[in-house]
Amino acid sequence: MVYTKYYVGKTNLSDLEVKYFVIEKERKYGIALEQYSGDLIECDYEYFTEEHNEATKVARFMQESRVTLTSMTEILDDYIQ
């Protein structure tokens, strides 16, 4: 799977660092989170729009709200509805 990833920003929560990205594949956009804790790296992504600006807005909101992988899907589901 090939996609383009645009860095939005990061946040630090005690021993956790989370990086936020806008992702693009075949004119579909979404967000990706990479979560670092010690030697462990976890990531997840979701495509949800055809608008780059909308994906950027959501990624920035998640960064400002300090969203982690645990709550990413639930928050994105609420946004889409």
N, C-alpha and C. Protein backbone atom coordinates (compact mmCIF):
# COMPACT_ATOMS: atom_id res chain seq x y z
N MET A 1 0.85 -1.17 0.00
CA MET A 1 0.00 0.00 0.00
C MET A 1 0.90 1.23 0.00
N VAL A 2 0.72 2.09 -0.99
CA VAL A 2 1.49 3.32 -1.08
C VAL A 2 0.56 4.49 -0.81
N TYR A 3 0.98 5.36 0.11
CA TYR A 3 0.21 6.56 0.39
C TYR A 3 1.17 7.68 0.76
N THR A 4 0.67 8.90 0.71
CA THR A 4 1.46 10.07 1.08
C THR A 4 1.07 10.49 2.48
N LYS A 5 2.06 10.87 3.26
CA LYS A 5 1.83 11.23 4.66
C LYS A 5 2.38 12.63 4.90
N TYR A 6 1.55 13.53 5.46
CA TYR A 6 1.94 14.91 5.76
C TYR A 6 1.96 15.10 7.28
N TYR A 7 3.09 15.50 7.80
CA TYR A 7 3.24 15.71 9.24
C TYR A 7 2.45 16.93 9.68
N VAL A 8 1.66 16.79 10.76
CA VAL A 8 0.88 17.90 11.31
C VAL A 8 1.49 18.41 12.60
N GLY A 9 1.91 17.51 13.47
CA GLY A 9 2.50 17.91 14.74
C GLY A 9 2.59 16.74 15.70
N LYS A 10 3.00 17.05 16.93
CA LYS A 10 3.12 16.00 17.94
C LYS A 10 2.75 16.55 19.30
N THR A 11 2.50 15.64 20.23
CA THR A 11 2.24 15.99 21.62
C THR A 11 2.91 14.95 22.50
N ASN A 12 3.26 15.37 23.70
CA ASN A 12 3.89 14.47 24.66
C ASN A 12 3.01 14.35 25.89
N LEU A 13 2.77 13.12 26.31
CA LEU A 13 1.98 12.83 27.50
C LEU A 13 2.81 11.91 28.38
N SER A 14 3.38 12.40 29.43
CA SER A 14 4.28 11.67 30.33
C SER A 14 5.28 10.84 29.53
N ASP A 15 5.16 9.52 29.48
CA ASP A 15 6.12 8.69 28.76
C ASP A 15 5.66 8.34 27.35
N LEU A 16 4.68 9.08 26.83
CA LEU A 16 4.07 8.79 25.53
C LEU A 16 4.26 9.98 24.60
N GLU A 17 4.72 9.72 23.38
CA GLU A 17 4.78 10.75 22.34
C GLU A 17 3.85 10.33 21.22
N VAL A 18 3.00 11.25 20.77
CA VAL A 18 2.05 10.95 19.69
C VAL A 18 2.30 11.93 18.55
N LYS A 19 2.46 11.40 17.34
CA LYS A 19 2.63 12.22 16.14
C LYS A 19 1.37 12.10 15.29
N TYR A 20 0.97 13.23 14.70
CA TYR A 20 -0.27 13.31 13.93
C TYR A 20 0.06 13.62 12.47
N PHE A 21 -0.63 12.93 11.56
CA PHE A 21 -0.39 13.08 10.14
C PHE A 21 -1.71 13.14 9.38
N VAL A 22 -1.68 13.83 8.23
CA VAL A 22 -2.74 13.71 7.23
C VAL A 22 -2.20 12.73 6.21
N ILE A 23 -3.04 11.79 5.79
CA ILE A 23 -2.62 10.80 4.80
C ILE A 23 -3.49 10.92 3.55
N GLU A 24 -2.91 10.57 2.41
CA GLU A 24 -3.61 10.65 1.13
C GLU A 24 -3.32 9.40 0.32
N LYS A 25 -4.37 8.83 -0.24
CA LYS A 25 -4.23 7.70 -1.15
C LYS A 25 -5.38 7.76 -2.15
N GLU A 26 -5.04 7.85 -3.41
CA GLU A 26 -6.03 7.85 -4.49
C GLU A 26 -7.14 8.86 -4.24
N ARG A 27 -6.76 10.09 -3.91
CA ARG A 27 -7.68 11.21 -3.68
C ARG A 27 -8.61 11.02 -2.49
N LYS A 28 -8.26 10.13 -1.61
CA LYS A 28 -8.95 9.97 -0.33
C LYS A 28 -7.99 10.44 0.75
N TYR A 29 -8.54 11.14 1.74
CA TYR A 29 -7.71 11.69 2.81
C TYR A 29 -8.18 11.18 4.16
N GLY A 30 -7.25 11.17 5.07
CA GLY A 30 -7.57 10.74 6.42
C GLY A 30 -6.49 11.18 7.38
N ILE A 31 -6.45 10.54 8.53
CA ILE A 31 -5.46 10.87 9.54
C ILE A 31 -4.73 9.60 9.96
N ALA A 32 -3.52 9.80 10.42
CA ALA A 32 -2.73 8.71 10.98
C ALA A 32 -2.11 9.19 12.27
N LEU A 33 -2.06 8.32 13.25
CA LEU A 33 -1.38 8.60 14.51
C LEU A 33 -0.29 7.57 14.70
N GLU A 34 0.87 8.04 15.13
CA GLU A 34 1.97 7.16 15.53
C GLU A 34 2.22 7.44 17.00
N GLN A 35 2.25 6.40 17.79
CA GLN A 35 2.37 6.53 19.24
C GLN A 35 3.64 5.80 19.69
N TYR A 36 4.51 6.53 20.39
CA TYR A 36 5.80 6.00 20.83
C TYR A 36 5.84 5.93 22.35
N SER A 37 6.24 4.79 22.87
CA SER A 37 6.41 4.60 24.31
C SER A 37 7.59 3.66 24.51
N GLY A 38 8.72 4.22 24.92
CA GLY A 38 9.92 3.41 25.05
C GLY A 38 10.31 2.84 23.71
N ASP A 39 10.47 1.52 23.63
CA ASP A 39 10.82 0.85 22.37
C ASP A 39 9.60 0.46 21.55
N LEU A 40 8.41 0.72 22.05
CA LEU A 40 7.17 0.32 21.39
C LEU A 40 6.66 1.45 20.49
N ILE A 41 6.34 1.11 19.25
CA ILE A 41 5.73 2.04 18.31
C ILE A 41 4.42 1.42 17.83
N GLU A 42 3.32 2.16 18.00
CA GLU A 42 2.01 1.72 17.52
C GLU A 42 1.48 2.77 16.57
N CYS A 43 0.69 2.35 15.60
CA CYS A 43 0.09 3.32 14.69
C CYS A 43 -1.27 2.83 14.22
N ASP A 44 -2.07 3.80 13.78
CA ASP A 44 -3.38 3.50 13.23
C ASP A 44 -3.74 4.63 12.27
N TYR A 45 -4.62 4.34 11.33
CA TYR A 45 -5.03 5.36 10.38
C TYR A 45 -6.46 5.10 9.94
N GLU A 46 -7.09 6.16 9.46
CA GLU A 46 -8.47 6.08 8.95
C GLU A 46 -8.61 7.06 7.80
N TYR A 47 -9.19 6.61 6.69
CA TYR A 47 -9.56 7.49 5.59
C TYR A 47 -11.03 7.85 5.77
N PHE A 48 -11.38 9.14 5.60
CA PHE A 48 -12.77 9.52 5.84
C PHE A 48 -13.28 10.67 4.97
N THR A 49 -12.48 11.23 4.08
CA THR A 49 -12.94 12.38 3.31
C THR A 49 -12.22 12.46 1.96
N GLU A 50 -12.77 13.26 1.07
CA GLU A 50 -12.12 13.56 -0.20
C GLU A 50 -11.53 14.96 -0.19
N GLU A 51 -11.51 15.61 0.98
CA GLU A 51 -11.02 16.98 1.13
C GLU A 51 -9.78 17.03 2.02
N HIS A 52 -8.67 17.49 1.45
CA HIS A 52 -7.42 17.61 2.21
C HIS A 52 -7.59 18.55 3.40
N ASN A 53 -8.27 19.68 3.19
CA ASN A 53 -8.46 20.67 4.26
C ASN A 53 -9.23 20.09 5.44
N GLU A 54 -10.23 19.28 5.16
CA GLU A 54 -11.02 18.68 6.24
C GLU A 54 -10.15 17.72 7.06
N ALA A 55 -9.36 16.91 6.39
CA ALA A 55 -8.47 15.98 7.10
C ALA A 55 -7.46 16.74 7.95
N THR A 56 -6.93 17.85 7.42
CA THR A 56 -5.98 18.67 8.18
C THR A 56 -6.64 19.26 9.41
N LYS A 57 -7.86 19.74 9.25
CA LYS A 57 -8.60 20.32 10.38
C LYS A 57 -8.78 19.28 11.49
N VAL A 58 -9.16 18.08 11.13
CA VAL A 58 -9.37 17.02 12.13
C VAL A 58 -8.05 16.61 12.78
N ALA A 59 -6.99 16.50 11.99
CA ALA A 59 -5.69 16.13 12.55
C ALA A 59 -5.21 17.19 13.54
N ARG A 60 -5.38 18.46 13.22
CA ARG A 60 -4.98 19.53 14.15
C ARG A 60 -5.82 19.51 15.41
N PHE A 61 -7.13 19.27 15.25
CA PHE A 61 -8.00 19.17 16.42
C PHE A 61 -7.54 18.04 17.34
N MET A 62 -7.20 16.89 16.74
CA MET A 62 -6.76 15.75 17.55
C MET A 62 -5.45 16.07 18.26
N GLN A 63 -4.55 16.78 17.58
CA GLN A 63 -3.30 17.15 18.23
C GLN A 63 -3.57 18.11 19.40
N GLU A 64 -4.36 19.14 19.17
CA GLU A 64 -4.67 20.11 20.22
C GLU A 64 -5.39 19.46 21.40
N SER A 65 -6.20 18.43 21.12
CA SER A 65 -6.94 17.73 22.17
C SER A 65 -6.13 16.59 22.78
N ARG A 66 -4.92 16.39 22.28
CA ARG A 66 -4.01 15.37 22.80
C ARG A 66 -4.61 13.96 22.72
N VAL A 67 -5.23 13.67 21.59
CA VAL A 67 -5.87 12.37 21.36
C VAL A 67 -4.78 11.30 21.18
N THR A 68 -5.02 10.13 21.76
CA THR A 68 -4.12 8.99 21.60
C THR A 68 -4.83 7.91 20.78
N LEU A 69 -4.12 6.84 20.50
CA LEU A 69 -4.72 5.75 19.73
C LEU A 69 -5.94 5.15 20.41
N THR A 70 -5.94 5.17 21.74
CA THR A 70 -7.05 4.59 22.49
C THR A 70 -8.39 5.23 22.13
N SER A 71 -8.40 6.54 21.89
CA SER A 71 -9.66 7.24 21.64
C SER A 71 -9.82 7.75 20.22
N MET A 72 -8.84 7.55 19.35
CA MET A 72 -8.88 8.10 18.00
C MET A 72 -10.12 7.67 17.23
N THR A 73 -10.40 6.39 17.17
CA THR A 73 -11.52 5.89 16.37
C THR A 73 -12.85 6.41 16.88
N GLU A 74 -13.04 6.43 18.19
CA GLU A 74 -14.29 6.92 18.76
C GLU A 74 -14.51 8.40 18.44
N ILE A 75 -13.47 9.19 18.57
CA ILE A 75 -13.59 10.63 18.28
C ILE A 75 -13.86 10.85 16.80
N LEU A 76 -13.19 10.10 15.94
CA LEU A 76 -13.42 10.23 14.50
C LEU A 76 -14.83 9.79 14.13
N ASP A 77 -15.33 8.72 14.73
CA ASP A 77 -16.72 8.28 14.49
C ASP A 77 -17.70 9.37 14.88
N ASP A 78 -17.49 10.02 16.03
CA ASP A 78 -18.36 11.11 16.46
C ASP A 78 -18.30 12.27 15.47
N TYR A 79 -17.12 12.57 14.95
CA TYR A 79 -16.97 13.67 13.98
C TYR A 79 -17.73 13.37 12.69
N ILE A 80 -17.63 12.15 12.21
CA ILE A 80 -18.27 11.78 10.94
C ILE A 80 -19.79 11.82 11.05
N GLN A 81 -20.32 11.42 12.19
CA GLN A 81 -21.77 11.42 12.37
C GLN A 81 -22.25 12.82 12.50
